Amino acid sequence: MASLIELVQEKQVKGKLDSVDPYVRYDDYKLNFHVENEKGEKVKDLTRALDTPRKAVGEYGHSNRKYGFAPLSPDHQYTLVLDSLEKTEPYELGVSFEPKQLAEKPVRVDENGKTIEIMSVTFDEPLNEASPKNEKHATILLEAYLKDISYINLADTILMDDDTDNIINRFGWTIKDEKGKIYNVTGGDFKMIGKDEQGRNHIRIKLQSDEMKELPQKLSLTSELAKKSYDLDWKVPLPMPKEDK
């Protein structure tokens, strides 16, 4: 039978996290781990997690998840190694620029160890199947250099309050012109390129909107959430399941 591992995580909600909007996906996280034998070798027959059902336990991000693995040999000692944790948290990015500036060179913003470069704004075919295909889409190409960031949502997903129909929170990039008009992101692409000389992740992002029919005089791009990866060094002996009689 398959082995089951039950992990319980209790996340603290302090500081800046207390002041953000009511819902910030505290449970949106991913655990990266592997199983190794007594020689420190990764187990070759380890499969991916078969399922990760989650059970809420109390408040503020307490949760319980179960992971399934292929059967392991009873003749060896195994250790569960937690390599890293990825979770969604507040992470502010922003840049304002005039599209006509790009005719000379990319627009670059360096701030608090983060770098954003706007490479181009063009009108192209839609990148995603779900995007409307009746005309060209405004496409903003940007590159970012960010420490420990593994993913940033592209499209703007809006969370509504069921009772009041008010917006509780927005996830993804916001595109706004000089008049305050917001253009919804209707498609795009996210690609991890590698690392720069400072060890930051080099990320290439394309944001598309079919709502922008012509280039505004000025554009601002903002994003408030990102998936951040934390390297961990945590191990625990893995008890072997008892064989069924």
C-alpha atoms as a PDB file:
ATOM      1  CA  MET A   1       0.000   0.000   0.000  1.00  0.00           C
ATOM      2  CA  ALA A   2       1.088   3.574  -0.480  1.00  0.00           C
ATOM      3  CA  SER A   3       2.710   5.464   2.377  1.00  0.00           C
ATOM      4  CA  LEU A   4       0.922   8.510   3.755  1.00  0.00           C
ATOM      5  CA  ILE A   5       2.585  11.507   5.351  1.00  0.00           C
ATOM      6  CA  GLU A   6       0.519  13.944   7.356  1.00  0.00           C
ATOM      7  CA  LEU A   7       1.939  17.447   7.785  1.00  0.00           C
ATOM      8  CA  VAL A   8       0.500  20.109  10.047  1.00  0.00           C
ATOM      9  CA  GLN A   9       1.587  23.706   9.542  1.00  0.00           C
ATOM     10  CA  GLU A  10       0.840  26.673  11.787  1.00  0.00           C
ATOM     11  CA  LYS A  11       1.565  30.020  10.184  1.00  0.00           C
ATOM     12  CA  GLN A  12       1.979  33.222  12.168  1.00  0.00           C
ATOM     13  CA  VAL A  13       0.118  36.313  10.985  1.00  0.00           C
ATOM     14  CA  LYS A  14       2.098  39.305  12.159  1.00  0.00           C
ATOM     15  CA  GLY A  15       3.346  42.719  11.112  1.00  0.00           C
ATOM     16  CA  LYS A  16       2.459  43.767   7.593  1.00  0.00           C
ATOM     17  CA  LEU A  17       0.247  40.735   7.040  1.00  0.00           C
ATOM     18  CA  ASP A  18      -2.135  42.034   9.714  1.00  0.00           C
ATOM     19  CA  SER A  19      -2.757  45.241   7.783  1.00  0.00           C
ATOM     20  CA  VAL A  20      -3.564  43.851   4.342  1.00  0.00           C
ATOM     21  CA  ASP A  21      -7.036  43.210   2.966  1.00  0.00           C
ATOM     22  CA  PRO A  22      -9.102  40.474   4.659  1.00  0.00           C
ATOM     23  CA  TYR A  23      -8.162  37.698   2.243  1.00  0.00           C
ATOM     24  CA  VAL A  24      -4.561  37.213   1.148  1.00  0.00           C
ATOM     25  CA  ARG A  25      -4.519  33.479   0.462  1.00  0.00           C
ATOM     26  CA  TYR A  26      -2.591  32.477   3.582  1.00  0.00           C
ATOM     27  CA  ASP A  27      -3.262  28.838   2.624  1.00  0.00           C
ATOM     28  CA  ASP A  28      -1.836  29.224  -0.890  1.00  0.00           C
ATOM     29  CA  TYR A  29       1.490  27.513  -0.325  1.00  0.00           C
ATOM     30  CA  LYS A  30       3.531  24.655  -1.702  1.00  0.00           C
ATOM     31  CA  LEU A  31       5.931  22.370   0.154  1.00  0.00           C
ATOM     32  CA  ASN A  32       8.909  21.038  -1.808  1.00  0.00           C
ATOM     33  CA  PHE A  33      10.434  17.947  -0.265  1.00  0.00           C
ATOM     34  CA  HIS A  34      11.986  14.570  -0.985  1.00  0.00           C
ATOM     35  CA  VAL A  35      12.705  11.290   0.783  1.00  0.00           C
ATOM     36  CA  GLU A  36      16.259   9.989   1.148  1.00  0.00           C
ATOM     37  CA  ASN A  37      17.705   6.722   2.474  1.00  0.00           C
ATOM     38  CA  GLU A  38      20.282   6.178   5.217  1.00  0.00           C
ATOM     39  CA  LYS A  39      23.095   7.007   2.743  1.00  0.00           C
ATOM     40  CA  GLY A  40      21.620  10.411   1.973  1.00  0.00           C
ATOM     41  CA  GLU A  41      20.559   9.295  -1.498  1.00  0.00           C
ATOM     42  CA  LYS A  42      17.238  10.403  -2.960  1.00  0.00           C
ATOM     43  CA  VAL A  43      14.828   7.508  -3.222  1.00  0.00           C
ATOM     44  CA  LYS A  44      14.533   6.592  -6.872  1.00  0.00           C
ATOM     45  CA  ASP A  45      11.002   5.211  -6.728  1.00  0.00           C
ATOM     46  CA  LEU A  46       9.545   8.244  -5.010  1.00  0.00           C
ATOM     47  CA  THR A  47       6.553   9.484  -6.997  1.00  0.00           C
ATOM     48  CA  ARG A  48       4.989  12.892  -6.994  1.00  0.00           C
ATOM     49  CA  ALA A  49       2.355  13.607  -4.350  1.00  0.00           C
ATOM     50  CA  LEU A  50      -0.711  11.620  -5.309  1.00  0.00           C
ATOM     51  CA  ASP A  51      -3.089  14.104  -3.737  1.00  0.00           C
ATOM     52  CA  THR A  52      -2.960  16.942  -1.250  1.00  0.00           C
ATOM     53  CA  PRO A  53      -6.351  17.249   0.430  1.00  0.00           C
ATOM     54  CA  ARG A  54      -6.369  20.103   2.927  1.00  0.00           C
ATOM     55  CA  LYS A  55      -8.300  20.344   6.150  1.00  0.00           C
ATOM     56  CA  ALA A  56      -8.639  23.660   7.965  1.00  0.00           C
ATOM     57  CA  VAL A  57      -7.682  23.547  11.635  1.00  0.00           C
ATOM     58  CA  GLY A  58      -8.659  26.628  13.605  1.00  0.00           C
ATOM     59  CA  GLU A  59      -7.950  30.156  12.361  1.00  0.00           C
ATOM     60  CA  TYR A  60      -5.186  32.164  10.680  1.00  0.00           C
ATOM     61  CA  GLY A  61      -3.773  29.591   8.317  1.00  0.00           C
ATOM     62  CA  HIS A  62      -3.647  26.474  10.481  1.00  0.00           C
ATOM     63  CA  SER A  63      -4.022  23.560   8.117  1.00  0.00           C
ATOM     64  CA  ASN A  64      -3.535  19.850   7.720  1.00  0.00           C
ATOM     65  CA  ARG A  65      -2.505  18.130   4.480  1.00  0.00           C
ATOM     66  CA  LYS A  66      -1.811  14.537   3.480  1.00  0.00           C
ATOM     67  CA  TYR A  67       0.622  13.354   0.797  1.00  0.00           C
ATOM     68  CA  GLY A  68       0.785   9.920  -0.799  1.00  0.00           C
ATOM     69  CA  PHE A  69       3.898   8.087  -2.009  1.00  0.00           C
ATOM     70  CA  ALA A  70       4.788   4.837  -3.703  1.00  0.00           C
ATOM     71  CA  PRO A  71       5.609   1.978  -1.284  1.00  0.00           C
ATOM     72  CA  LEU A  72       9.104   2.112   0.263  1.00  0.00           C
ATOM     73  CA  SER A  73      11.282  -0.838   1.181  1.00  0.00           C
ATOM     74  CA  PRO A  74      11.066  -1.970   4.847  1.00  0.00           C
ATOM     75  CA  ASP A  75      14.787  -2.859   4.656  1.00  0.00           C
ATOM     76  CA  HIS A  76      15.935   0.768   4.768  1.00  0.00           C
ATOM     77  CA  GLN A  77      15.730   3.815   7.015  1.00  0.00           C
ATOM     78  CA  TYR A  78      14.214   6.880   5.371  1.00  0.00           C
ATOM     79  CA  THR A  79      14.225  10.587   6.107  1.00  0.00           C
ATOM     80  CA  LEU A  80      11.754  13.207   4.963  1.00  0.00           C
ATOM     81  CA  VAL A  81      13.642  16.328   3.846  1.00  0.00           C
ATOM     82  CA  LEU A  82      11.799  19.622   3.462  1.00  0.00           C
ATOM     83  CA  ASP A  83      13.741  21.557   0.813  1.00  0.00           C
ATOM     84  CA  SER A  84      11.747  24.757   0.473  1.00  0.00           C
ATOM     85  CA  LEU A  85       8.443  26.468   1.049  1.00  0.00           C
ATOM     86  CA  GLU A  86       6.653  28.610  -1.525  1.00  0.00           C
ATOM     87  CA  LYS A  87       3.834  30.845  -0.372  1.00  0.00           C
ATOM     88  CA  THR A  88       1.839  33.822  -1.585  1.00  0.00           C
ATOM     89  CA  GLU A  89       2.370  37.011   0.358  1.00  0.00           C
ATOM     90  CA  PRO A  90       2.186  40.800  -0.067  1.00  0.00           C
ATOM     91  CA  TYR A  91       4.916  41.968  -2.448  1.00  0.00           C
ATOM     92  CA  GLU A  92       4.702  45.399  -4.031  1.00  0.00           C
ATOM     93  CA  LEU A  93       5.940  46.095  -7.553  1.00  0.00           C
ATOM     94  CA  GLY A  94       5.275  49.217  -9.559  1.00  0.00           C
ATOM     95  CA  VAL A  95       6.507  51.255 -12.471  1.00  0.00           C
ATOM     96  CA  SER A  96       5.158  54.245 -14.423  1.00  0.00           C
ATOM     97  CA  PHE A  97       6.338  55.224 -17.887  1.00  0.00           C
ATOM     98  CA  GLU A  98       5.468  56.885 -21.164  1.00  0.00           C
ATOM     99  CA  PRO A  99       5.301  54.372 -24.043  1.00  0.00           C
ATOM    100  CA  LYS A 100       7.060  56.846 -26.366  1.00  0.00           C
ATOM    101  CA  GLN A 101      10.145  56.604 -24.088  1.00  0.00           C
ATOM    102  CA  LEU A 102      10.660  53.047 -25.290  1.00  0.00           C
ATOM    103  CA  ALA A 103      11.624  54.232 -28.756  1.00  0.00           C
ATOM    104  CA  GLU A 104      15.039  55.173 -27.344  1.00  0.00           C
ATOM    105  CA  LYS A 105      15.696  52.498 -24.697  1.00  0.00           C
ATOM    106  CA  PRO A 106      13.898  50.343 -22.115  1.00  0.00           C
ATOM    107  CA  VAL A 107      12.529  52.066 -19.015  1.00  0.00           C
ATOM    108  CA  ARG A 108      14.332  50.768 -15.928  1.00  0.00           C
ATOM    109  CA  VAL A 109      13.384  51.169 -12.270  1.00  0.00           C
ATOM    110  CA  ASP A 110      15.671  50.036  -9.410  1.00  0.00           C
ATOM    111  CA  GLU A 111      14.125  50.123  -5.948  1.00  0.00           C
ATOM    112  CA  ASN A 112      14.697  48.243  -2.688  1.00  0.00           C
ATOM    113  CA  GLY A 113      16.734  45.520  -4.374  1.00  0.00           C
ATOM    114  CA  LYS A 114      14.135  45.027  -7.112  1.00  0.00           C
ATOM    115  CA  THR A 115      14.633  45.883 -10.781  1.00  0.00           C
ATOM    116  CA  ILE A 116      11.889  46.229 -13.399  1.00  0.00           C
ATOM    117  CA  GLU A 117      12.567  46.960 -17.077  1.00  0.00           C
ATOM    118  CA  ILE A 118       9.786  47.780 -19.515  1.00  0.00           C
ATOM    119  CA  MET A 119      11.062  46.520 -22.862  1.00  0.00           C
ATOM    120  CA  SER A 120       8.213  47.292 -25.277  1.00  0.00           C
ATOM    121  CA  VAL A 121       4.499  47.944 -25.756  1.00  0.00           C
ATOM    122  CA  THR A 122       3.097  46.508 -28.994  1.00  0.00           C
ATOM    123  CA  PHE A 123      -0.138  45.206 -30.494  1.00  0.00           C
ATOM    124  CA  ASP A 124       0.062  41.452 -31.134  1.00  0.00           C
ATOM    125  CA  GLU A 125      -1.919  38.261 -31.477  1.00  0.00           C
ATOM    126  CA  PRO A 126      -3.400  36.898 -28.208  1.00  0.00           C
ATOM    127  CA  LEU A 127      -1.110  34.570 -26.265  1.00  0.00           C
ATOM    128  CA  ASN A 128      -3.829  32.540 -24.547  1.00  0.00           C
ATOM    129  CA  GLU A 129      -6.614  30.419 -25.995  1.00  0.00           C
ATOM    130  CA  ALA A 130      -9.240  31.918 -23.704  1.00  0.00           C
ATOM    131  CA  SER A 131      -8.449  35.479 -24.847  1.00  0.00           C
ATOM    132  CA  PRO A 132     -10.701  37.137 -27.440  1.00  0.00           C
ATOM    133  CA  LYS A 133      -9.183  36.729 -30.913  1.00  0.00           C
ATOM    134  CA  ASN A 134     -11.107  39.279 -32.913  1.00  0.00           C
ATOM    135  CA  GLU A 135      -8.310  41.863 -32.944  1.00  0.00           C
ATOM    136  CA  LYS A 136      -4.775  42.657 -31.835  1.00  0.00           C
ATOM    137  CA  HIS A 137      -4.002  42.825 -28.118  1.00  0.00           C
ATOM    138  CA  ALA A 138      -1.864  45.455 -26.428  1.00  0.00           C
ATOM    139  CA  THR A 139       1.210  43.563 -25.212  1.00  0.00           C
ATOM    140  CA  ILE A 140       3.544  44.895 -22.526  1.00  0.00           C
ATOM    141  CA  LEU A 141       6.876  43.088 -22.310  1.00  0.00           C
ATOM    142  CA  LEU A 142       8.761  43.536 -19.066  1.00  0.00           C
ATOM    143  CA  GLU A 143      11.692  41.892 -17.365  1.00  0.00           C
ATOM    144  CA  ALA A 144      12.193  41.810 -13.597  1.00  0.00           C
ATOM    145  CA  TYR A 145      15.072  40.859 -11.326  1.00  0.00           C
ATOM    146  CA  LEU A 146      13.693  39.792  -7.956  1.00  0.00           C
ATOM    147  CA  LYS A 147      15.067  37.929  -4.955  1.00  0.00           C
ATOM    148  CA  ASP A 148      13.378  34.589  -4.147  1.00  0.00           C
ATOM    149  CA  ILE A 149      10.233  35.282  -6.206  1.00  0.00           C
ATOM    150  CA  SER A 150       8.987  32.177  -8.034  1.00  0.00           C
ATOM    151  CA  TYR A 151       5.719  33.408  -9.579  1.00  0.00           C
ATOM    152  CA  ILE A 152       3.532  36.502  -9.974  1.00  0.00           C
ATOM    153  CA  ASN A 153      -0.091  36.227 -11.060  1.00  0.00           C
ATOM    154  CA  LEU A 154      -0.756  37.763 -14.470  1.00  0.00           C
ATOM    155  CA  ALA A 155      -4.498  38.221 -14.882  1.00  0.00           C
ATOM    156  CA  ASP A 156      -6.472  40.222 -12.357  1.00  0.00           C
ATOM    157  CA  THR A 157      -8.681  37.894 -10.327  1.00  0.00           C
ATOM    158  CA  ILE A 158     -11.196  39.816  -8.253  1.00  0.00           C
ATOM    159  CA  LEU A 159     -12.535  38.495  -4.941  1.00  0.00           C
ATOM    160  CA  MET A 160     -16.042  39.801  -4.169  1.00  0.00           C
ATOM    161  CA  ASP A 161     -17.908  39.909  -0.870  1.00  0.00           C
ATOM    162  CA  ASP A 162     -21.018  37.749  -1.369  1.00  0.00           C
ATOM    163  CA  ASP A 163     -23.172  39.888   0.928  1.00  0.00           C
ATOM    164  CA  THR A 164     -22.250  43.391  -0.246  1.00  0.00           C
ATOM    165  CA  ASP A 165     -20.822  42.786  -3.756  1.00  0.00           C
ATOM    166  CA  ASN A 166     -17.844  44.931  -2.768  1.00  0.00           C
ATOM    167  CA  ILE A 167     -14.331  44.118  -3.963  1.00  0.00           C
ATOM    168  CA  ILE A 168     -12.369  42.573  -1.091  1.00  0.00           C
ATOM    169  CA  ASN A 169      -9.092  42.046  -2.920  1.00  0.00           C
ATOM    170  CA  ARG A 170      -7.523  41.846  -6.370  1.00  0.00           C
ATOM    171  CA  PHE A 171      -4.766  39.482  -7.448  1.00  0.00           C
ATOM    172  CA  GLY A 172      -2.540  40.088 -10.443  1.00  0.00           C
ATOM    173  CA  TRP A 173      -1.226  43.079 -12.346  1.00  0.00           C
ATOM    174  CA  THR A 174      -3.148  46.327 -12.693  1.00  0.00           C
ATOM    175  CA  ILE A 175      -2.641  48.411 -15.855  1.00  0.00           C
ATOM    176  CA  LYS A 176      -3.749  52.051 -15.542  1.00  0.00           C
ATOM    177  CA  ASP A 177      -3.399  55.084 -17.831  1.00  0.00           C
ATOM    178  CA  GLU A 178      -2.872  58.763 -17.002  1.00  0.00           C
ATOM    179  CA  LYS A 179      -6.654  59.300 -16.715  1.00  0.00           C
ATOM    180  CA  GLY A 180      -7.067  56.559 -14.140  1.00  0.00           C
ATOM    181  CA  LYS A 181      -8.675  54.082 -16.534  1.00  0.00           C
ATOM    182  CA  ILE A 182      -7.889  50.439 -15.680  1.00  0.00           C
ATOM    183  CA  TYR A 183      -7.292  47.922 -18.469  1.00  0.00           C
ATOM    184  CA  ASN A 184      -7.987  44.346 -17.434  1.00  0.00           C
ATOM    185  CA  VAL A 185      -5.233  41.839 -18.152  1.00  0.00           C
ATOM    186  CA  THR A 186      -6.805  39.323 -20.539  1.00  0.00           C
ATOM    187  CA  GLY A 187      -3.764  37.156 -21.169  1.00  0.00           C
ATOM    188  CA  GLY A 188      -0.033  36.889 -20.860  1.00  0.00           C
ATOM    189  CA  ASP A 189       3.008  34.768 -20.237  1.00  0.00           C
ATOM    190  CA  PHE A 190       5.392  34.199 -17.303  1.00  0.00           C
ATOM    191  CA  LYS A 191       8.850  32.728 -17.819  1.00  0.00           C
ATOM    192  CA  MET A 192      11.783  32.164 -15.463  1.00  0.00           C
ATOM    193  CA  ILE A 193      15.002  32.940 -17.380  1.00  0.00           C
ATOM    194  CA  GLY A 194      17.667  32.238 -14.744  1.00  0.00           C
ATOM    195  CA  LYS A 195      19.609  34.258 -12.169  1.00  0.00           C
ATOM    196  CA  ASP A 196      21.608  37.455 -12.454  1.00  0.00           C
ATOM    197  CA  GLU A 197      25.013  38.188 -10.912  1.00  0.00           C
ATOM    198  CA  GLN A 198      23.295  39.214  -7.654  1.00  0.00           C
ATOM    199  CA  GLY A 199      21.507  35.877  -7.347  1.00  0.00           C
ATOM    200  CA  ARG A 200      18.101  37.372  -8.146  1.00  0.00           C
ATOM    201  CA  ASN A 201      15.610  35.523 -10.322  1.00  0.00           C
ATOM    202  CA  HIS A 202      15.485  36.897 -13.868  1.00  0.00           C
ATOM    203  CA  ILE A 203      11.811  36.864 -14.887  1.00  0.00           C
ATOM    204  CA  ARG A 204      10.218  37.724 -18.243  1.00  0.00           C
ATOM    205  CA  ILE A 205       6.541  38.682 -18.245  1.00  0.00           C
ATOM    206  CA  LYS A 206       4.116  39.550 -21.026  1.00  0.00           C
ATOM    207  CA  LEU A 207       0.869  41.280 -20.070  1.00  0.00           C
ATOM    208  CA  GLN A 208      -1.903  41.501 -22.661  1.00  0.00           C
ATOM    209  CA  SER A 209      -5.146  43.456 -22.740  1.00  0.00           C
ATOM    210  CA  ASP A 210      -7.742  43.472 -25.492  1.00  0.00           C
ATOM    211  CA  GLU A 211      -9.307  46.584 -23.927  1.00  0.00           C
ATOM    212  CA  MET A 212      -6.487  48.960 -24.904  1.00  0.00           C
ATOM    213  CA  LYS A 213      -7.182  50.132 -28.466  1.00  0.00           C
ATOM    214  CA  GLU A 214      -4.425  52.737 -28.705  1.00  0.00           C
ATOM    215  CA  LEU A 215      -1.387  53.680 -26.656  1.00  0.00           C
ATOM    216  CA  PRO A 216      -2.076  56.082 -23.763  1.00  0.00           C
ATOM    217  CA  GLN A 217       0.322  58.914 -23.045  1.00  0.00           C
ATOM    218  CA  LYS A 218       1.313  57.300 -19.750  1.00  0.00           C
ATOM    219  CA  LEU A 219       0.950  53.839 -18.220  1.00  0.00           C
ATOM    220  CA  SER A 220       1.461  52.498 -14.716  1.00  0.00           C
ATOM    221  CA  LEU A 221       1.848  48.827 -13.804  1.00  0.00           C
ATOM    222  CA  THR A 222       1.376  47.591 -10.254  1.00  0.00           C
ATOM    223  CA  SER A 223       1.291  44.191  -8.562  1.00  0.00           C
ATOM    224  CA  GLU A 224       0.766  43.512  -4.860  1.00  0.00           C
ATOM    225  CA  LEU A 225       1.171  39.738  -4.418  1.00  0.00           C
ATOM    226  CA  ALA A 226       3.797  37.178  -5.389  1.00  0.00           C
ATOM    227  CA  LYS A 227       4.865  33.638  -4.619  1.00  0.00           C
ATOM    228  CA  LYS A 228       8.075  33.704  -2.627  1.00  0.00           C
ATOM    229  CA  SER A 229      10.352  30.701  -2.116  1.00  0.00           C
ATOM    230  CA  TYR A 230      12.137  30.066   1.183  1.00  0.00           C
ATOM    231  CA  ASP A 231      15.024  27.576   1.332  1.00  0.00           C
ATOM    232  CA  LEU A 232      14.727  25.284   4.338  1.00  0.00           C
ATOM    233  CA  ASP A 233      16.927  22.709   6.044  1.00  0.00           C
ATOM    234  CA  TRP A 234      14.475  20.536   7.948  1.00  0.00           C
ATOM    235  CA  LYS A 235      14.563  16.769   8.298  1.00  0.00           C
ATOM    236  CA  VAL A 236      12.607  14.172  10.236  1.00  0.00           C
ATOM    237  CA  PRO A 237      12.883  10.363  10.338  1.00  0.00           C
ATOM    238  CA  LEU A 238      10.133   8.773   8.291  1.00  0.00           C
ATOM    239  CA  PRO A 239       8.293   5.971  10.131  1.00  0.00           C
ATOM    240  CA  MET A 240       7.496   3.016   7.949  1.00  0.00           C
ATOM    241  CA  PRO A 241       3.857   1.914   7.713  1.00  0.00           C
ATOM    242  CA  LYS A 242       2.967  -1.404   9.260  1.00  0.00           C
ATOM    243  CA  GLU A 243       2.306  -4.173   6.764  1.00  0.00           C
ATOM    244  CA  ASP A 244      -1.254  -5.400   6.459  1.00  0.00           C
ATOM    245  CA  LYS A 245      -1.736  -8.890   7.816  1.00  0.00           C
END
